[in-house]
Amino acid sequence: MFKTNMSVTDRVIRAIVGVLLIAGWFVWPDLTYSWAFWLGLIPLATAVVGWCAIYQLFGWSTHDDHKGGKAHHA
């Protein structure tokens, strides 16, 4: 479907950030903007699929193609 454009390190960092944001809702559910913690679903979802729409838009990739090539940035 989508070509992976994120490195393993990028995916791990996004997963951690996503989980921490979602966990914030359970820690502070009564905050006025507690719904904002659910924005953690975005980095968590991109970590799971390995594809980032923003990277695609700008032609960026942190994914190493394992063919001797390096990750590139536009």
Foldseek 3Di string as FASTA:
>chain_A
DDDQQEALVQLVVLLVQLVVLLVVCVVCVPDPVSVVSNVSVVSNVCSVVRDDPVCVVQVFGCYDPPPPDGGDGD
